[in-house]
């Protein structure tokens, strides 16, 4: 039976050094493994953060682009609306100037007695055809009283010929068309309850209302937004 020999001090020290070296090597390898794993996890996390931040930056960029596009469209729309409004205001001012000039020219109509006399007869006849009454009163400018009274016989005869009815026409002495008016006639019947305004100003207002679409086309052309025409 053999017995193991006891290690001397040098051998013990040598064995301890081997054990320490082994432990150190194990610690170094473990530290390296931990470091590599930490680097991998760091890189993975960093990549995630970079990717997420890139997504956030891209989303912010796209949002700002959309906001800029919306603001651009709003600015363009406001500019177009302001431009259209300015065009409409300019056109309206031009139309008002045109009609004001026309109203001023109305004052010149009564200066030509022959033409004005013929016009008065036609205005009275038109009013009589509208009323179709046996008794009609005329309201005129004071300056036109004699002229109107002079054409009443001709108007009565023309009315009788056209309708086979007689009409009693009188010129009111208590009521008059204002002297500032360009002229014309106001016809009344049934004690003033029925009224036909055939003054030149009123006829111009009616013509302005009825012909305004035509006048707009003549002056400014058709609207570019209009697709259909009658």
Protein backbone atom coordinates (compact mmCIF):
# COMPACT_ATOMS: atom_id res chain seq x y z
CA UNK A 1 0.00 0.00 0.00
CA UNK A 2 1.47 3.26 -1.14
CA UNK A 3 1.13 6.54 0.60
CA UNK A 4 0.99 9.97 -1.19
CA UNK A 5 3.86 12.14 -0.47
CA UNK A 6 3.14 15.45 1.23
CA UNK A 7 3.89 18.47 -0.89
CA UNK A 8 6.66 20.66 0.16
CA UNK A 9 6.34 24.43 0.38
CA UNK A 10 7.61 25.09 -3.12
CA UNK A 11 5.18 22.63 -4.63
CA UNK A 12 2.30 24.13 -2.69
CA UNK A 13 3.22 27.60 -3.92
CA UNK A 14 3.49 26.31 -7.48
CA UNK A 15 0.05 24.69 -7.30
CA UNK A 16 -1.44 27.86 -5.83
CA UNK A 17 0.06 29.88 -8.66
CA UNK A 18 -1.50 27.50 -11.20
CA UNK A 19 -4.89 27.85 -9.50
CA UNK A 20 -4.57 31.64 -9.39
CA UNK A 21 -3.57 31.72 -13.07
CA UNK A 22 -6.54 29.52 -13.96
CA UNK A 23 -8.91 31.73 -11.96
CA UNK A 24 -7.47 34.86 -13.60
CA UNK A 25 -7.83 33.34 -17.05
CA UNK A 26 -11.42 32.37 -16.31
CA UNK A 27 -12.12 35.89 -15.01
CA UNK A 28 -10.54 37.48 -18.11
CA UNK A 29 -12.56 35.26 -20.47
CA UNK A 30 -15.74 35.89 -18.50
CA UNK A 31 -15.07 39.66 -18.52
CA UNK A 32 -14.41 39.51 -22.29
CA UNK A 33 -17.64 37.55 -22.80
CA UNK A 34 -19.57 40.07 -20.69
CA UNK A 35 -17.98 42.97 -22.58
CA UNK A 36 -18.82 41.44 -25.98
CA UNK A 37 -22.37 40.75 -24.90
CA UNK A 38 -22.68 44.27 -23.48
CA UNK A 39 -21.36 45.73 -26.76
CA UNK A 40 -23.86 43.66 -28.73
CA UNK A 41 -26.74 44.73 -26.52
CA UNK A 42 -25.53 48.34 -26.67
CA UNK A 43 -25.32 48.22 -30.46
CA UNK A 44 -28.75 46.61 -30.71
CA UNK A 45 -30.27 49.20 -28.37
CA UNK A 46 -28.43 51.99 -30.16
CA UNK A 47 -29.74 50.75 -33.51
CA UNK A 48 -33.26 50.66 -32.08
CA UNK A 49 -32.91 54.20 -30.75
CA UNK A 50 -31.44 55.45 -34.02
CA UNK A 51 -34.19 53.75 -36.04
CA UNK A 52 -36.91 55.11 -33.73
CA UNK A 53 -35.39 58.59 -33.82
CA UNK A 54 -35.16 58.38 -37.62
CA UNK A 55 -38.83 57.42 -37.75
CA UNK A 56 -39.70 60.32 -35.44
CA UNK A 57 -37.63 62.75 -37.53
CA UNK A 58 -39.24 61.52 -40.75
CA UNK A 59 -42.73 61.80 -39.22
CA UNK A 60 -41.96 65.31 -38.00
CA UNK A 61 -40.57 66.23 -41.41
CA UNK A 62 -43.65 64.88 -43.22
CA UNK A 63 -45.93 66.65 -40.76
CA UNK A 64 -44.13 69.94 -41.37
CA UNK A 65 -44.32 69.39 -45.14
CA UNK A 66 -48.08 68.83 -44.90
CA UNK A 67 -48.47 71.89 -42.68
CA UNK A 68 -46.46 73.94 -45.16
CA UNK A 69 -48.62 72.64 -48.05
CA UNK A 70 -51.81 73.46 -46.14
CA UNK A 71 -50.54 76.95 -45.32
CA UNK A 72 -49.52 77.42 -48.95
CA UNK A 73 -52.98 76.37 -50.17
CA UNK A 74 -54.65 78.66 -47.62
CA UNK A 75 -52.43 81.56 -48.71
CA UNK A 76 -53.17 80.83 -52.39
CA UNK A 77 -56.91 80.58 -51.67
CA UNK A 78 -56.86 83.87 -49.74
CA UNK A 79 -54.95 85.55 -52.56
CA UNK A 80 -57.37 84.22 -55.19
CA UNK A 81 -60.39 85.27 -53.11
CA UNK A 82 -58.95 88.74 -52.55
CA UNK A 83 -58.19 89.04 -56.26
CA UNK A 84 -61.69 87.92 -57.21
CA UNK A 85 -63.21 90.31 -54.69
CA UNK A 86 -61.11 93.15 -56.06
CA UNK A 87 -62.20 92.29 -59.61
CA UNK A 88 -65.86 92.17 -58.54
CA UNK A 89 -65.55 95.48 -56.70
CA UNK A 90 -63.88 97.09 -59.72
CA UNK A 91 -66.56 95.74 -62.05
CA UNK A 92 -69.33 96.89 -59.73
CA UNK A 93 -67.78 100.36 -59.52
CA UNK A 94 -67.56 100.47 -63.30
CA UNK A 95 -71.21 99.41 -63.66
CA UNK A 96 -72.33 102.01 -61.12
CA UNK A 97 -70.37 104.66 -63.00
CA UNK A 98 -71.96 103.51 -66.25
CA UNK A 99 -75.50 103.69 -64.85
CA UNK A 100 -74.82 107.03 -63.18
CA UNK A 101 -73.66 108.42 -66.52
CA UNK A 102 -76.81 107.00 -68.12
CA UNK A 103 -79.00 108.66 -65.47
CA UNK A 104 -77.33 111.96 -66.19
CA UNK A 105 -78.00 111.54 -69.90
CA UNK A 106 -81.70 110.96 -69.10
CA UNK A 107 -81.90 114.66 -68.30
CA UNK A 108 -81.10 115.42 -71.94
CA UNK A 109 -84.05 113.45 -73.34
CA UNK A 110 -86.72 116.09 -72.69
CA UNK A 111 -84.56 118.72 -74.44
CA UNK A 112 -85.60 117.28 -77.82
CA UNK A 113 -89.30 118.21 -77.78
CA UNK A 114 -90.34 116.09 -80.77
CA UNK A 115 -88.71 112.91 -79.49
CA UNK A 116 -89.86 113.54 -75.92
CA UNK A 117 -93.45 114.11 -77.07
CA UNK A 118 -93.44 110.80 -78.94
CA UNK A 119 -91.91 109.09 -75.90
CA UNK A 120 -94.60 110.48 -73.57
CA UNK A 121 -97.37 109.21 -75.85
CA UNK A 122 -95.86 105.74 -75.87
CA UNK A 123 -95.37 105.71 -72.10
CA UNK A 124 -98.98 106.78 -71.50
CA UNK A 125 -100.30 104.17 -73.95
CA UNK A 126 -98.24 101.42 -72.36
CA UNK A 127 -99.58 102.39 -68.93
CA UNK A 128 -103.18 102.41 -70.23
CA UNK A 129 -102.74 98.92 -71.65
CA UNK A 130 -101.48 97.77 -68.25
CA UNK A 131 -104.37 99.33 -66.32
CA UNK A 132 -107.25 98.70 -68.80
CA UNK A 133 -109.43 101.08 -66.78
CA UNK A 134 -112.11 103.57 -67.88
CA UNK A 135 -110.64 106.43 -65.82
CA UNK A 136 -106.93 107.12 -65.45
CA UNK A 137 -105.03 109.98 -63.82
CA UNK A 138 -101.59 111.13 -64.89
CA UNK A 139 -98.92 112.51 -62.59
CA UNK A 140 -96.26 114.47 -64.48
CA UNK A 141 -93.67 117.16 -63.95
CA UNK A 142 -95.11 120.66 -63.77
CA UNK A 143 -93.01 121.53 -66.79
CA UNK A 144 -94.67 118.73 -68.78
CA UNK A 145 -98.33 119.48 -67.99
CA UNK A 146 -99.10 121.40 -71.18
CA UNK A 147 -97.20 118.93 -73.33
CA UNK A 148 -99.00 115.95 -71.83
CA UNK A 149 -102.43 117.59 -72.13
CA UNK A 150 -101.72 118.25 -75.80
CA UNK A 151 -101.13 114.56 -76.56
CA UNK A 152 -104.07 113.16 -74.54
CA UNK A 153 -106.52 113.30 -77.50
CA UNK A 154 -104.11 111.34 -79.70
CA UNK A 155 -103.44 108.82 -76.95
CA UNK A 156 -107.17 108.35 -76.24
CA UNK A 157 -107.87 107.76 -79.91
CA UNK A 158 -105.00 105.27 -80.24
CA UNK A 159 -106.19 103.41 -77.14
CA UNK A 160 -109.76 103.29 -78.42
CA UNK A 161 -108.59 101.97 -81.77
CA UNK A 162 -106.52 99.23 -80.15
CA UNK A 163 -108.99 98.13 -77.45
CA UNK A 164 -112.37 99.39 -78.68
CA UNK A 165 -112.77 100.98 -75.25
CA UNK A 166 -112.92 104.60 -74.20
CA UNK A 167 -110.83 106.03 -71.39
CA UNK A 168 -111.10 109.28 -69.46
CA UNK A 169 -107.61 110.69 -68.97
CA UNK A 170 -106.93 113.57 -66.56
CA UNK A 171 -103.74 115.26 -65.44
CA UNK A 172 -103.47 115.69 -61.68
CA UNK A 173 -102.88 119.25 -60.56
CA UNK A 174 -102.10 118.54 -56.89
CA UNK A 175 -99.42 115.87 -57.37
CA UNK A 176 -96.40 116.09 -59.61
CA UNK A 177 -93.33 114.14 -60.57
CA UNK A 178 -90.37 115.96 -58.94
CA UNK A 179 -88.83 118.69 -61.06
CA UNK A 180 -85.44 116.98 -60.62
CA UNK A 181 -86.79 113.94 -62.50
CA UNK A 182 -85.78 113.39 -66.11
CA UNK A 183 -89.46 113.10 -67.01
CA UNK A 184 -92.00 110.46 -67.87
CA UNK A 185 -95.42 109.56 -66.49
CA UNK A 186 -97.00 107.98 -63.42
CA UNK A 187 -100.47 106.56 -64.15
CA UNK A 188 -103.01 105.81 -61.41
CA UNK A 189 -106.52 104.39 -61.32
CA UNK A 190 -109.11 103.22 -58.82
CA UNK A 191 -108.59 106.36 -56.70
CA UNK A 192 -104.81 105.96 -56.72
CA UNK A 193 -104.83 102.40 -55.42
CA UNK A 194 -103.41 101.06 -58.69
CA UNK A 195 -100.25 102.68 -59.93
CA UNK A 196 -97.96 102.30 -62.94
CA UNK A 197 -94.64 104.11 -62.69
CA UNK A 198 -93.43 104.98 -66.18
CA UNK A 199 -90.97 107.71 -65.24
CA UNK A 200 -87.67 107.58 -67.09
CA UNK A 201 -85.76 106.80 -63.89
CA UNK A 202 -88.02 103.84 -63.15
CA UNK A 203 -87.71 102.56 -66.72
CA UNK A 204 -83.96 102.78 -66.43
CA UNK A 205 -84.07 100.84 -63.14
CA UNK A 206 -86.13 98.10 -64.79
CA UNK A 207 -83.81 97.98 -67.79
CA UNK A 208 -80.82 97.87 -65.47
CA UNK A 209 -82.29 94.94 -63.55
CA UNK A 210 -83.38 92.99 -66.63
CA UNK A 211 -80.35 93.66 -68.79
CA UNK A 212 -77.66 93.49 -66.14
CA UNK A 213 -76.59 89.91 -67.06
CA UNK A 214 -76.31 90.92 -70.74
CA UNK A 215 -74.43 94.07 -69.87
CA UNK A 216 -71.97 92.11 -67.73
CA UNK A 217 -71.28 89.73 -70.62
CA UNK A 218 -70.88 92.61 -73.08
CA UNK A 219 -68.46 94.45 -70.79
CA UNK A 220 -66.56 91.61 -69.12
CA UNK A 221 -67.29 88.47 -71.15
CA UNK A 222 -68.60 85.17 -69.85
CA UNK A 223 -67.47 83.95 -66.45
CA UNK A 224 -64.61 81.42 -66.82
CA UNK A 225 -66.34 79.27 -64.16
CA UNK A 226 -69.54 78.98 -66.17
CA UNK A 227 -69.84 75.70 -68.10
CA UNK A 228 -73.31 75.93 -69.59
CA UNK A 229 -75.03 78.70 -71.55
CA UNK A 230 -78.66 78.99 -72.52
